[in-house]
N, C-alpha and C. Protein backbone atom coordinates (compact mmCIF):
# COMPACT_ATOMS: atom_id res chain seq x y z
N MET A 1 108.19 186.14 109.96
CA MET A 1 108.85 185.78 111.45
C MET A 1 107.57 186.71 112.52
N GLU A 2 107.36 185.33 112.87
CA GLU A 2 105.52 185.87 114.18
C GLU A 2 106.96 186.79 115.66
N ASP A 3 106.42 187.60 115.80
CA ASP A 3 106.67 188.86 116.88
C ASP A 3 105.99 187.98 117.91
N LEU A 4 107.11 187.18 118.11
CA LEU A 4 106.61 186.18 119.72
C LEU A 4 107.70 186.66 120.51
N LYS A 5 107.75 186.57 122.18
CA LYS A 5 108.62 187.04 122.95
C LYS A 5 108.55 185.74 124.19
N LEU A 6 108.87 185.20 124.94
CA LEU A 6 109.11 184.60 125.99
C LEU A 6 109.67 184.89 127.04
N HIS A 7 108.55 185.40 128.20
CA HIS A 7 109.83 185.59 129.25
C HIS A 7 109.63 184.39 130.18
N GLY A 8 110.74 183.99 130.44
CA GLY A 8 110.88 182.62 131.73
C GLY A 8 111.87 182.21 132.23
N PHE A 9 112.69 181.49 132.68
CA PHE A 9 113.07 180.72 134.04
C PHE A 9 113.39 179.25 132.99
N TRP A 10 114.73 179.30 132.18
CA TRP A 10 115.21 178.63 131.86
C TRP A 10 115.56 176.76 131.94
N TYR A 11 114.99 176.77 133.62
CA TYR A 11 115.45 175.57 134.90
C TYR A 11 114.10 175.30 135.11
N SER A 12 112.94 176.67 134.80
CA SER A 12 111.31 175.88 134.83
C SER A 12 111.14 175.12 134.20
N PRO A 13 109.79 174.17 134.70
CA PRO A 13 109.55 172.57 133.89
C PRO A 13 108.40 173.70 133.16
N PHE A 14 107.66 174.70 134.23
CA PHE A 14 106.46 175.49 133.44
C PHE A 14 107.05 176.29 131.81
N THR A 15 108.38 177.19 132.03
CA THR A 15 109.05 177.52 131.09
C THR A 15 109.27 176.73 129.99
N MET A 16 109.43 175.23 130.56
CA MET A 16 110.01 174.48 129.10
C MET A 16 108.31 174.22 128.45
N ARG A 17 107.78 173.90 128.94
CA ARG A 17 106.39 173.45 128.33
C ARG A 17 105.89 174.78 127.69
N VAL A 18 106.12 175.50 127.47
CA VAL A 18 106.06 176.78 126.35
C VAL A 18 107.24 176.56 124.95
N VAL A 19 109.03 175.74 125.42
CA VAL A 19 109.67 176.19 124.85
C VAL A 19 109.55 174.40 123.88
N TRP A 20 109.06 173.66 124.16
CA TRP A 20 109.10 172.68 123.72
C TRP A 20 107.57 172.84 122.92
N THR A 21 106.74 173.43 123.00
CA THR A 21 105.24 173.09 122.14
C THR A 21 105.94 174.33 120.87
N LEU A 22 106.74 175.61 121.31
CA LEU A 22 107.08 176.80 119.88
C LEU A 22 108.20 175.71 119.13
N LYS A 23 108.77 175.02 119.60
CA LYS A 23 109.76 173.96 119.31
C LYS A 23 108.93 173.31 118.27
N LEU A 24 107.85 172.37 119.15
CA LEU A 24 107.23 171.31 118.14
C LEU A 24 106.42 171.96 116.54
N LYS A 25 106.20 173.24 117.35
CA LYS A 25 105.56 174.16 115.98
C LYS A 25 106.60 174.84 115.21
N GLY A 26 108.29 175.02 115.13
CA GLY A 26 108.57 174.83 114.72
C GLY A 26 108.37 176.88 114.38
N LEU A 27 108.23 177.43 115.23
CA LEU A 27 107.96 178.93 115.52
C LEU A 27 109.65 179.89 116.27
N SER A 28 109.80 180.78 115.74
CA SER A 28 111.50 181.31 115.82
C SER A 28 110.39 182.34 116.87
N TYR A 29 111.24 182.50 118.12
CA TYR A 29 110.48 183.39 119.09
C TYR A 29 112.16 183.87 119.77
N GLU A 30 111.50 185.59 120.52
CA GLU A 30 112.47 186.08 121.28
C GLU A 30 112.70 185.65 122.92
N ASN A 31 113.70 184.75 123.46
CA ASN A 31 113.91 184.69 124.67
C ASN A 31 114.27 185.67 125.60
N ILE A 32 113.38 185.85 126.31
CA ILE A 32 113.64 186.91 127.79
C ILE A 32 114.32 186.41 128.94
N GLU A 33 115.26 186.02 129.13
CA GLU A 33 115.41 185.33 130.54
C GLU A 33 115.54 186.08 131.63
N GLU A 34 114.19 185.73 132.69
CA GLU A 34 114.16 186.54 134.10
C GLU A 34 114.87 186.24 135.28
N ASP A 35 115.06 186.49 135.66
CA ASP A 35 115.65 186.68 137.42
C ASP A 35 114.84 186.30 138.23
N ARG A 36 114.47 185.31 138.60
CA ARG A 36 113.25 184.65 139.78
C ARG A 36 113.33 185.88 141.07
N PHE A 37 114.03 186.30 141.73
CA PHE A 37 115.10 187.36 142.70
C PHE A 37 114.72 188.74 142.26
N ASN A 38 114.68 189.32 141.06
CA ASN A 38 114.72 190.63 140.42
C ASN A 38 114.01 190.53 139.14
N LYS A 39 112.32 190.15 138.93
CA LYS A 39 111.79 189.87 137.68
C LYS A 39 111.67 191.46 137.40
N SER A 40 111.81 191.09 135.74
CA SER A 40 111.52 192.28 135.12
C SER A 40 110.64 193.86 135.24
N PRO A 41 110.69 194.65 134.96
CA PRO A 41 109.49 194.94 134.70
C PRO A 41 108.50 194.99 133.99
N GLN A 42 108.96 194.58 133.20
CA GLN A 42 107.76 194.00 131.65
C GLN A 42 107.26 192.81 132.16
N LEU A 43 107.67 191.87 133.20
CA LEU A 43 106.61 190.62 133.16
C LEU A 43 105.99 190.68 134.29
N LEU A 44 106.17 191.85 135.10
CA LEU A 44 105.36 192.29 135.88
C LEU A 44 104.21 193.41 135.56
N GLU A 45 104.38 193.81 134.81
CA GLU A 45 103.36 194.37 134.04
C GLU A 45 102.55 193.55 132.64
N TYR A 46 103.30 192.39 132.12
CA TYR A 46 102.45 191.43 131.79
C TYR A 46 101.85 190.61 132.03
N ASN A 47 102.64 189.85 133.81
CA ASN A 47 101.25 188.83 134.42
C ASN A 47 101.33 189.85 135.99
N PRO A 48 99.94 190.84 136.13
CA PRO A 48 100.40 191.74 136.75
C PRO A 48 99.71 190.85 138.56
N VAL A 49 98.53 190.17 138.05
CA VAL A 49 97.99 189.16 139.25
C VAL A 49 99.10 188.04 140.12
N HIS A 50 99.53 187.14 138.99
CA HIS A 50 100.62 186.18 139.82
C HIS A 50 101.88 186.49 139.67
N LYS A 51 102.21 187.44 138.81
CA LYS A 51 103.55 188.24 138.47
C LYS A 51 104.75 186.95 138.56
N LYS A 52 104.08 185.60 137.84
CA LYS A 52 104.62 184.43 137.43
C LYS A 52 105.47 184.46 136.28
N ALA A 53 106.46 183.29 135.52
CA ALA A 53 106.83 182.82 134.66
C ALA A 53 106.32 181.79 134.43
N PRO A 54 106.18 181.60 133.32
CA PRO A 54 106.40 182.13 131.85
C PRO A 54 105.47 183.01 131.53
N VAL A 55 105.26 183.98 130.61
CA VAL A 55 104.69 184.94 129.95
C VAL A 55 104.92 184.82 128.42
N LEU A 56 104.01 184.83 127.36
CA LEU A 56 104.44 184.51 125.95
C LEU A 56 103.43 186.52 125.63
N VAL A 57 104.58 186.81 124.64
CA VAL A 57 104.11 187.78 124.40
C VAL A 57 103.69 187.89 122.82
N HIS A 58 102.56 187.60 122.41
CA HIS A 58 102.46 187.80 120.66
C HIS A 58 101.59 189.04 120.24
N GLY A 59 102.72 189.80 119.69
CA GLY A 59 102.01 191.31 119.42
C GLY A 59 101.96 191.96 119.67
N GLY A 60 102.49 192.21 120.95
CA GLY A 60 102.67 192.34 122.40
C GLY A 60 101.17 192.81 123.27
N LYS A 61 100.62 191.59 123.00
CA LYS A 61 99.59 191.29 123.95
C LYS A 61 100.08 189.87 124.82
N PRO A 62 100.35 190.28 126.43
CA PRO A 62 100.68 188.87 127.17
C PRO A 62 99.25 188.27 126.91
N ILE A 63 100.19 186.17 127.28
CA ILE A 63 98.81 185.49 127.45
C ILE A 63 100.26 184.82 128.67
N CYS A 64 99.40 184.57 129.84
CA CYS A 64 99.96 183.83 130.95
C CYS A 64 99.18 182.43 131.58
N GLU A 65 100.26 181.36 131.86
CA GLU A 65 100.14 180.54 132.57
C GLU A 65 100.43 179.98 131.44
N SER A 66 101.69 178.25 131.97
CA SER A 66 102.37 177.81 131.10
C SER A 66 101.42 177.02 129.94
N MET A 67 100.24 176.22 130.84
CA MET A 67 99.15 175.65 129.54
C MET A 67 97.98 176.20 128.89
N VAL A 68 98.04 177.48 129.25
CA VAL A 68 97.17 178.43 128.92
C VAL A 68 97.59 179.08 127.70
N ILE A 69 98.91 178.71 127.47
CA ILE A 69 100.30 179.26 126.26
C ILE A 69 100.16 178.30 125.55
N VAL A 70 100.72 177.02 126.05
CA VAL A 70 100.52 176.01 125.18
C VAL A 70 99.13 175.88 124.27
N GLU A 71 98.06 176.15 125.05
CA GLU A 71 96.56 176.00 124.02
C GLU A 71 96.69 176.96 122.57
N TYR A 72 97.25 177.98 123.23
CA TYR A 72 97.25 179.70 122.81
C TYR A 72 97.99 178.90 121.12
N ILE A 73 98.92 178.45 121.43
CA ILE A 73 99.61 178.19 120.83
C ILE A 73 99.24 177.38 119.51
N ASP A 74 98.71 176.27 120.27
CA ASP A 74 98.07 175.36 119.61
C ASP A 74 97.28 175.34 118.85
N GLU A 75 96.25 176.59 118.91
CA GLU A 75 95.17 176.76 118.18
C GLU A 75 95.42 177.65 117.14
N LEU A 76 96.36 178.59 117.13
CA LEU A 76 96.51 179.00 116.17
C LEU A 76 97.64 179.28 115.17
N TRP A 77 98.49 177.97 115.50
CA TRP A 77 99.53 177.56 114.27
C TRP A 77 98.91 175.79 114.42
N PRO A 78 98.50 175.35 113.33
CA PRO A 78 98.48 173.47 113.45
C PRO A 78 98.74 173.06 113.07
N GLN A 79 100.43 173.54 112.59
CA GLN A 79 101.26 171.87 112.28
C GLN A 79 101.60 171.21 113.17
N ASN A 80 101.60 170.00 113.59
CA ASN A 80 102.13 169.03 115.12
C ASN A 80 101.41 169.45 116.14
N PRO A 81 99.75 169.53 115.52
CA PRO A 81 98.72 169.93 116.66
C PRO A 81 98.77 168.49 117.70
N LEU A 82 98.71 169.24 119.02
CA LEU A 82 98.75 168.48 120.33
C LEU A 82 97.80 168.61 120.89
N LEU A 83 96.11 169.31 120.49
CA LEU A 83 95.07 168.77 121.55
C LEU A 83 94.28 167.88 120.11
N PRO A 84 93.66 166.52 120.94
CA PRO A 84 93.11 165.54 119.43
C PRO A 84 91.68 166.53 118.71
N HIS A 85 91.91 166.24 117.84
CA HIS A 85 90.44 166.60 116.82
C HIS A 85 88.46 166.46 117.45
N ASP A 86 89.45 165.15 117.35
CA ASP A 86 87.70 164.37 117.95
C ASP A 86 87.89 165.04 119.78
N PRO A 87 86.30 166.21 119.69
CA PRO A 87 85.94 167.12 120.93
C PRO A 87 85.91 165.77 122.26
N TYR A 88 85.57 164.68 121.68
CA TYR A 88 85.91 163.90 123.35
C TYR A 88 87.32 163.69 123.55
N GLN A 89 88.07 163.25 122.56
CA GLN A 89 89.10 162.71 122.96
C GLN A 89 89.91 164.26 123.46
N ARG A 90 89.01 165.45 122.83
CA ARG A 90 90.17 166.16 123.02
C ARG A 90 89.52 166.86 124.45
N ALA A 91 88.45 166.12 125.35
CA ALA A 91 87.63 166.54 126.53
C ALA A 91 88.47 166.33 127.65
N GLN A 92 88.93 164.87 127.00
CA GLN A 92 89.83 163.52 127.72
C GLN A 92 91.70 164.34 127.69
N ALA A 93 91.70 164.72 126.85
CA ALA A 93 93.54 165.05 127.30
C ALA A 93 92.96 166.50 128.06
N ARG A 94 92.11 167.23 128.14
CA ARG A 94 92.14 169.16 129.13
C ARG A 94 91.62 168.20 130.57
N PHE A 95 91.22 166.76 130.76
CA PHE A 95 91.04 166.70 132.07
C PHE A 95 92.07 166.33 132.78
N TRP A 96 93.43 165.35 131.83
CA TRP A 96 94.81 165.39 132.19
C TRP A 96 95.47 166.36 132.27
N VAL A 97 95.33 167.40 131.77
CA VAL A 97 96.44 168.31 131.46
C VAL A 97 95.80 168.51 133.50
N ALA A 98 94.17 169.14 133.17
CA ALA A 98 94.15 169.18 135.03
C ALA A 98 95.16 168.34 136.12
N TYR A 99 95.10 167.59 135.86
CA TYR A 99 95.49 166.31 136.84
C TYR A 99 96.52 166.51 136.53
N ALA A 100 97.09 166.93 135.55
CA ALA A 100 98.84 167.08 135.88
C ALA A 100 99.28 168.47 136.99
N GLU A 101 97.93 169.65 136.56
CA GLU A 101 98.57 171.02 137.48
C GLU A 101 97.75 170.01 138.79
N GLN A 102 97.49 169.22 139.28
CA GLN A 102 96.87 169.21 140.36
C GLN A 102 98.16 168.22 141.35
N MET A 103 98.97 167.36 140.21
CA MET A 103 100.58 166.83 141.48
C MET A 103 100.83 168.81 141.55
N VAL A 104 101.34 169.62 141.33
CA VAL A 104 102.12 170.48 141.47
C VAL A 104 102.40 170.79 142.76
N PRO A 105 100.92 171.16 143.52
CA PRO A 105 101.67 171.47 144.66
C PRO A 105 101.87 169.89 145.56
N VAL A 106 101.90 168.90 145.44
CA VAL A 106 102.52 168.05 146.13
C VAL A 106 104.18 167.77 145.84
N ILE A 107 104.62 168.22 144.94
CA ILE A 107 105.78 168.69 144.55
C ILE A 107 106.84 169.29 145.47
N PRO A 108 106.18 170.38 146.00
CA PRO A 108 107.00 171.23 147.05
C PRO A 108 107.66 170.75 148.78
N ALA A 109 106.70 169.26 149.01
CA ALA A 109 106.20 168.68 150.20
C ALA A 109 107.59 167.97 150.14
N LEU A 110 107.73 167.41 148.83
CA LEU A 110 109.03 166.44 148.59
C LEU A 110 110.44 167.71 148.88
N ILE A 111 110.19 168.73 148.09
CA ILE A 111 111.68 169.76 147.92
C ILE A 111 112.00 170.56 149.21
N PHE A 112 110.78 170.18 150.06
CA PHE A 112 111.36 170.97 151.45
C PHE A 112 111.21 170.16 152.85
N SER A 113 110.94 168.75 152.34
CA SER A 113 111.30 167.33 153.15
C SER A 113 112.63 168.29 154.09
N THR A 114 112.33 167.48 155.64
CA THR A 114 113.68 168.36 156.07
C THR A 114 114.40 166.87 156.76
N ASN A 115 112.81 165.84 156.75
CA ASN A 115 113.79 164.45 157.50
C ASN A 115 113.06 163.72 156.65
N ALA A 116 113.38 162.46 157.39
CA ALA A 116 113.04 160.98 156.35
C ALA A 116 111.88 160.46 156.45
N GLU A 117 110.57 160.74 157.62
CA GLU A 117 109.53 160.77 157.46
C GLU A 117 108.70 162.10 156.74
N GLU A 118 108.95 162.81 156.93
CA GLU A 118 108.33 163.97 155.48
C GLU A 118 108.76 163.65 154.18
N LYS A 119 109.46 162.86 154.44
CA LYS A 119 110.20 162.42 151.87
C LYS A 119 109.66 161.72 151.93
N GLU A 120 109.34 160.51 152.65
CA GLU A 120 108.43 158.99 152.71
C GLU A 120 106.99 159.61 152.23
N LYS A 121 106.30 160.60 153.14
CA LYS A 121 105.24 161.21 153.28
C LYS A 121 104.67 161.29 151.62
N ALA A 122 106.02 162.27 151.53
CA ALA A 122 105.74 163.43 149.79
C ALA A 122 105.64 161.75 149.15
N VAL A 123 106.93 161.61 149.01
CA VAL A 123 106.39 160.01 147.58
C VAL A 123 105.71 158.92 147.58
N GLU A 124 105.28 159.28 148.92
CA GLU A 124 103.73 158.70 148.65
C GLU A 124 102.88 158.70 148.25
N LYS A 125 102.83 160.26 148.61
CA LYS A 125 102.00 161.00 148.39
C LYS A 125 101.67 160.97 146.71
N MET A 126 103.28 161.32 145.81
CA MET A 126 103.35 161.18 144.65
C MET A 126 102.65 159.71 143.99
N TRP A 127 103.53 158.86 144.65
CA TRP A 127 102.69 157.64 143.86
C TRP A 127 101.42 157.60 143.69
N GLU A 128 100.34 157.73 144.91
CA GLU A 128 99.71 157.64 144.67
C GLU A 128 99.25 158.61 143.42
N HIS A 129 98.99 159.60 142.96
CA HIS A 129 99.62 160.14 141.55
C HIS A 129 99.47 159.02 140.52
N PHE A 130 100.94 158.42 141.08
CA PHE A 130 101.57 157.85 139.40
C PHE A 130 101.00 156.40 139.37
N LYS A 131 100.24 156.41 140.75
CA LYS A 131 99.23 154.52 140.11
C LYS A 131 98.39 155.49 139.56
N VAL A 132 97.54 156.39 139.89
CA VAL A 132 96.57 156.58 138.31
C VAL A 132 96.67 156.59 137.12
N LEU A 133 98.14 157.19 136.68
CA LEU A 133 98.80 156.92 135.56
C LEU A 133 99.14 156.22 134.92
N GLU A 134 99.49 155.55 135.87
CA GLU A 134 99.66 154.05 135.70
C GLU A 134 98.48 153.45 134.99
N ASP A 135 97.61 152.99 135.78
CA ASP A 135 96.35 152.41 135.57
C ASP A 135 95.15 152.90 134.92
N HIS A 136 95.08 154.17 134.62
CA HIS A 136 93.92 154.91 133.68
C HIS A 136 94.68 155.44 132.45
N CYS A 137 95.68 155.87 132.36
CA CYS A 137 96.41 156.42 131.00
C CYS A 137 97.20 155.49 129.84
N LEU A 138 98.19 154.53 130.89
CA LEU A 138 98.93 154.00 129.77
C LEU A 138 98.93 152.20 130.14
N ALA A 139 97.50 152.45 130.41
CA ALA A 139 97.38 150.19 130.40
C ALA A 139 97.22 149.95 129.08
N ASP A 140 97.23 151.28 128.67
CA ASP A 140 97.16 149.96 126.65
C ASP A 140 98.65 149.67 125.77
N LYS A 141 99.39 150.35 126.94
CA LYS A 141 101.10 150.59 126.77
C LYS A 141 101.27 151.16 125.55
N ARG A 142 99.99 152.41 125.58
CA ARG A 142 100.97 153.58 124.78
C ARG A 142 101.94 154.30 124.70
N LYS A 143 102.19 154.11 123.42
CA LYS A 143 104.48 155.49 123.59
C LYS A 143 103.96 156.45 124.24
N PHE A 144 102.96 157.37 124.00
CA PHE A 144 102.75 158.72 125.09
C PHE A 144 101.29 158.69 125.40
N PHE A 145 101.06 159.80 125.73
CA PHE A 145 99.72 160.01 126.14
C PHE A 145 98.95 160.15 125.01
N GLY A 146 99.61 160.59 124.12
CA GLY A 146 98.99 160.92 122.94
C GLY A 146 98.64 159.66 121.45
N GLY A 147 99.40 158.90 122.35
CA GLY A 147 99.48 157.63 120.75
C GLY A 147 100.93 157.17 120.78
N ASP A 148 101.15 157.57 119.61
CA ASP A 148 102.20 157.44 118.76
C ASP A 148 102.82 158.97 118.40
N LYS A 149 102.43 159.97 118.55
CA LYS A 149 102.67 161.27 118.88
C LYS A 149 102.72 161.89 120.63
N LEU A 150 103.62 162.68 120.74
CA LEU A 150 103.46 163.72 121.28
C LEU A 150 102.23 164.39 121.42
N ASN A 151 101.43 164.86 122.72
CA ASN A 151 100.28 165.63 122.49
C ASN A 151 100.31 166.32 123.91
N ILE A 152 99.46 167.24 123.69
CA ILE A 152 99.61 168.69 124.75
C ILE A 152 99.51 167.36 126.57
N VAL A 153 99.02 166.76 126.61
CA VAL A 153 99.19 165.55 127.67
C VAL A 153 100.52 165.52 128.61
N ASP A 154 101.27 164.94 126.88
CA ASP A 154 102.68 164.61 127.59
C ASP A 154 103.64 165.55 127.34
N ILE A 155 103.35 166.92 127.40
CA ILE A 155 103.82 168.82 127.20
C ILE A 155 103.67 168.72 128.90
N ALA A 156 102.26 168.41 129.36
CA ALA A 156 102.08 168.84 130.81
C ALA A 156 102.63 168.07 132.08
N PHE A 157 102.73 166.23 130.87
CA PHE A 157 103.38 165.66 132.55
C PHE A 157 104.52 165.66 132.71
N GLY A 158 105.53 165.31 130.61
CA GLY A 158 106.66 165.05 130.78
C GLY A 158 107.49 166.57 131.81
N SER A 159 106.91 168.18 131.43
CA SER A 159 107.81 168.95 132.28
C SER A 159 107.85 168.40 133.51
N LEU A 160 106.86 167.79 134.40
CA LEU A 160 107.16 167.51 135.94
C LEU A 160 107.46 166.39 136.24
N PHE A 161 107.82 165.72 135.12
CA PHE A 161 108.08 164.40 135.61
C PHE A 161 110.14 164.44 135.50
N MET A 162 110.10 165.27 133.89
CA MET A 162 111.79 165.64 134.06
C MET A 162 111.89 166.40 135.74
N PHE A 163 111.53 167.64 135.91
CA PHE A 163 111.92 168.08 137.12
C PHE A 163 111.90 166.86 138.37
N LEU A 164 111.11 166.33 138.21
CA LEU A 164 111.41 164.99 139.43
C LEU A 164 112.36 164.77 139.60
N ILE A 165 113.02 164.16 138.37
CA ILE A 165 113.78 163.25 137.92
C ILE A 165 115.35 164.23 138.41
N THR A 166 115.34 165.72 138.48
CA THR A 166 115.93 165.87 138.63
C THR A 166 116.35 166.77 140.08
N ILE A 167 114.78 166.54 141.26
CA ILE A 167 114.41 166.02 142.30
C ILE A 167 115.33 165.19 142.90
N GLU A 168 115.00 164.00 142.42
CA GLU A 168 116.25 162.80 143.07
C GLU A 168 117.17 163.21 143.17
N ASP A 169 117.58 163.61 142.10
CA ASP A 169 119.34 163.95 142.08
C ASP A 169 119.72 164.80 143.81
N LEU A 170 118.45 166.12 144.15
CA LEU A 170 118.39 166.87 145.03
C LEU A 170 118.38 166.19 145.99
N LYS A 171 117.47 165.39 146.45
CA LYS A 171 116.90 164.87 147.82
C LYS A 171 117.21 163.34 147.37
N GLN A 172 117.90 163.05 146.88
CA GLN A 172 119.00 161.32 147.08
C GLN A 172 117.57 160.48 147.37
N VAL A 173 116.60 160.63 146.49
CA VAL A 173 116.07 159.66 147.11
C VAL A 173 115.16 159.60 145.20
N LYS A 174 114.62 157.97 145.93
CA LYS A 174 114.17 157.56 144.15
C LYS A 174 112.85 157.46 144.07
N ILE A 175 112.16 158.30 143.22
CA ILE A 175 110.48 158.74 142.91
C ILE A 175 110.12 157.77 141.88
N LEU A 176 110.46 158.19 140.17
CA LEU A 176 109.52 157.26 139.52
C LEU A 176 110.84 155.46 139.28
N VAL A 177 110.40 154.69 140.47
CA VAL A 177 110.52 153.24 140.50
C VAL A 177 109.63 152.52 139.55
N ALA A 178 111.40 152.13 138.30
CA ALA A 178 110.90 151.01 137.56
C ALA A 178 109.80 149.58 137.90
N GLU A 179 109.93 149.34 138.55
CA GLU A 179 109.64 147.68 138.76
C GLU A 179 107.90 148.20 139.60
N LYS A 180 108.05 149.57 140.26
CA LYS A 180 105.91 150.13 140.85
C LYS A 180 105.78 150.42 139.52
N PHE A 181 106.35 151.25 138.86
CA PHE A 181 105.41 151.85 137.53
C PHE A 181 106.69 151.77 136.02
N PRO A 182 106.15 150.37 135.57
CA PRO A 182 107.01 149.85 134.60
C PRO A 182 106.28 151.20 133.36
N LEU A 183 104.67 150.97 132.98
CA LEU A 183 103.98 151.82 132.32
C LEU A 183 104.71 153.01 132.16
N LEU A 184 104.81 153.67 133.22
CA LEU A 184 105.02 155.07 133.69
C LEU A 184 106.41 155.49 132.80
N HIS A 185 107.18 154.87 133.78
CA HIS A 185 108.36 154.26 133.28
C HIS A 185 108.86 154.77 131.81
N SER A 186 108.31 153.63 130.91
CA SER A 186 108.96 153.38 130.00
C SER A 186 108.28 154.28 128.88
N TRP A 187 107.00 155.00 129.36
CA TRP A 187 106.16 156.22 128.74
C TRP A 187 107.67 157.06 128.56
N LEU A 188 108.20 157.81 130.68
CA LEU A 188 108.91 158.79 130.20
C LEU A 188 110.05 158.30 129.72
N ASP A 189 110.54 157.36 129.64
CA ASP A 189 111.51 157.48 128.27
C ASP A 189 111.05 157.47 127.30
N ASN A 190 110.39 157.48 126.78
CA ASN A 190 109.69 157.55 125.46
C ASN A 190 110.14 158.78 125.03
N PHE A 191 109.57 159.81 126.29
CA PHE A 191 109.04 161.25 126.18
C PHE A 191 110.33 161.85 126.39
N LYS A 192 111.34 161.16 127.03
CA LYS A 192 112.84 162.06 127.41
C LYS A 192 113.92 161.81 125.98
N ASN A 193 113.47 160.88 125.53
CA ASN A 193 114.11 160.80 123.78
C ASN A 193 113.13 161.13 122.54
N ALA A 194 112.38 161.76 122.69
CA ALA A 194 111.42 162.21 121.41
C ALA A 194 113.00 163.53 121.48
N PRO A 195 113.27 163.48 119.79
CA PRO A 195 114.30 164.60 119.50
C PRO A 195 113.94 165.60 120.09
N ILE A 196 112.75 166.79 119.90
CA ILE A 196 111.99 167.85 120.33
C ILE A 196 112.51 168.20 121.51
N ILE A 197 112.51 167.08 122.35
CA ILE A 197 112.47 167.10 124.15
C ILE A 197 113.99 166.61 124.10
N LYS A 198 114.53 165.65 123.89
CA LYS A 198 115.63 165.86 124.13
C LYS A 198 116.99 166.95 123.44
N GLU A 199 116.54 167.65 122.69
CA GLU A 199 117.47 168.45 122.06
C GLU A 199 117.09 170.12 122.73
N ASN A 200 116.07 170.35 123.61
CA ASN A 200 115.48 171.50 124.38
C ASN A 200 115.47 171.55 125.91
N PHE A 201 116.54 170.33 126.10
CA PHE A 201 116.25 170.27 127.32
C PHE A 201 117.15 170.53 128.45
N PRO A 202 117.22 171.82 129.27
CA PRO A 202 118.74 171.89 130.18
C PRO A 202 119.77 171.10 130.88
N ASP A 203 120.72 170.84 130.75
CA ASP A 203 121.59 170.03 130.76
C ASP A 203 121.13 169.37 132.89
N ARG A 204 120.86 168.48 133.34
CA ARG A 204 120.43 167.99 134.51
C ARG A 204 121.47 168.22 135.86
N GLU A 205 122.90 168.77 135.52
CA GLU A 205 124.25 168.57 136.31
C GLU A 205 123.71 169.88 136.50
N LYS A 206 123.29 171.18 135.49
CA LYS A 206 123.44 172.68 135.57
C LYS A 206 121.79 172.86 136.46
N ILE A 207 120.66 172.60 135.82
CA ILE A 207 119.19 172.76 136.78
C ILE A 207 120.03 172.06 138.44
N VAL A 208 120.07 171.26 138.33
CA VAL A 208 120.80 170.98 139.71
C VAL A 208 121.78 172.04 140.68
N ALA A 209 122.82 172.71 140.05
CA ALA A 209 123.50 173.75 140.34
C ALA A 209 122.51 175.29 140.89
N ILE A 210 121.37 175.06 139.80
CA ILE A 210 121.43 176.43 140.40
C ILE A 210 119.84 176.38 141.01
N ILE A 211 119.17 175.45 141.31
CA ILE A 211 117.73 175.23 142.09
C ILE A 211 118.38 175.21 143.50
N LYS A 212 119.51 173.80 143.69
CA LYS A 212 120.06 173.37 144.97
C LYS A 212 119.89 174.73 145.90
N PRO A 213 120.97 176.25 145.74
CA PRO A 213 120.78 177.30 146.26
C PRO A 213 119.30 177.63 146.36
N ILE A 214 118.72 178.26 145.81
CA ILE A 214 116.91 178.75 145.35
C ILE A 214 116.70 177.87 146.95
N PHE A 215 116.70 176.55 147.19
CA PHE A 215 115.62 175.82 147.72
C PHE A 215 116.57 175.75 149.50
N GLU A 216 117.63 176.09 149.29
CA GLU A 216 118.44 176.13 151.04
C GLU A 216 117.68 177.97 150.54
N ARG A 217 118.04 178.90 149.91
CA ARG A 217 117.29 179.74 150.75
C ARG A 217 116.11 179.67 151.37
N ARG A 218 114.81 179.45 150.47
CA ARG A 218 113.83 179.12 150.97
C ARG A 218 113.96 178.11 152.22
N LEU A 219 114.40 177.04 152.51
CA LEU A 219 114.38 176.19 153.88
C LEU A 219 114.89 177.17 154.70
N ALA A 220 116.06 178.01 154.67
CA ALA A 220 116.19 178.92 155.34
C ALA A 220 115.94 179.68 156.06
N SER A 221 114.49 180.14 155.14
CA SER A 221 113.60 182.07 155.36
C SER A 221 112.55 181.26 156.02
N SER A 222 112.28 179.84 155.75
CA SER A 222 110.75 178.95 156.76
C SER A 222 111.46 178.77 158.05
């Protein structure tokens, strides 16, 4: 058994990235659930720069940032590889992972929108990103970003989209419109029904129940 410990929040899309990767690799690990409002001394010690989760601790050594952790795991354990072997394809995968990270700042604008106009602007901004993916990643109607199997790009985007469909419940807005983005909608269906994802994704109602007070607390303090 590998000496692996994961500090994270069970409902976080970034923690989910690491959980899915560990599960895809068939690795055992100790899960250490953190409290967003009372983070453990160990987490703050392991990630003194950003003081955020997830953090993977391997043999006592911490690795921070979700997609850095995913690559680290993929390099050490070659089974079910997430990065392509071909250098060009690997570079392309890393490009789209970086693009996924560019989508992250758009999400809070939607979450913390306080009126219909702000909500509409946030959704339109999200749709700009969706169109890029629809036109440049999925035009060949592939099952996953990596083809027939999940790869690192699916992990990066999948965590965000699974979180976004939860936000739909909170904000009472439809974000991923099937008629507008049919290829992206089909990809998400494939992704969320992949056994590893389906078996290791928290219940949406439980996620809404725990993150709604967090959002309300943030809005009240702003």
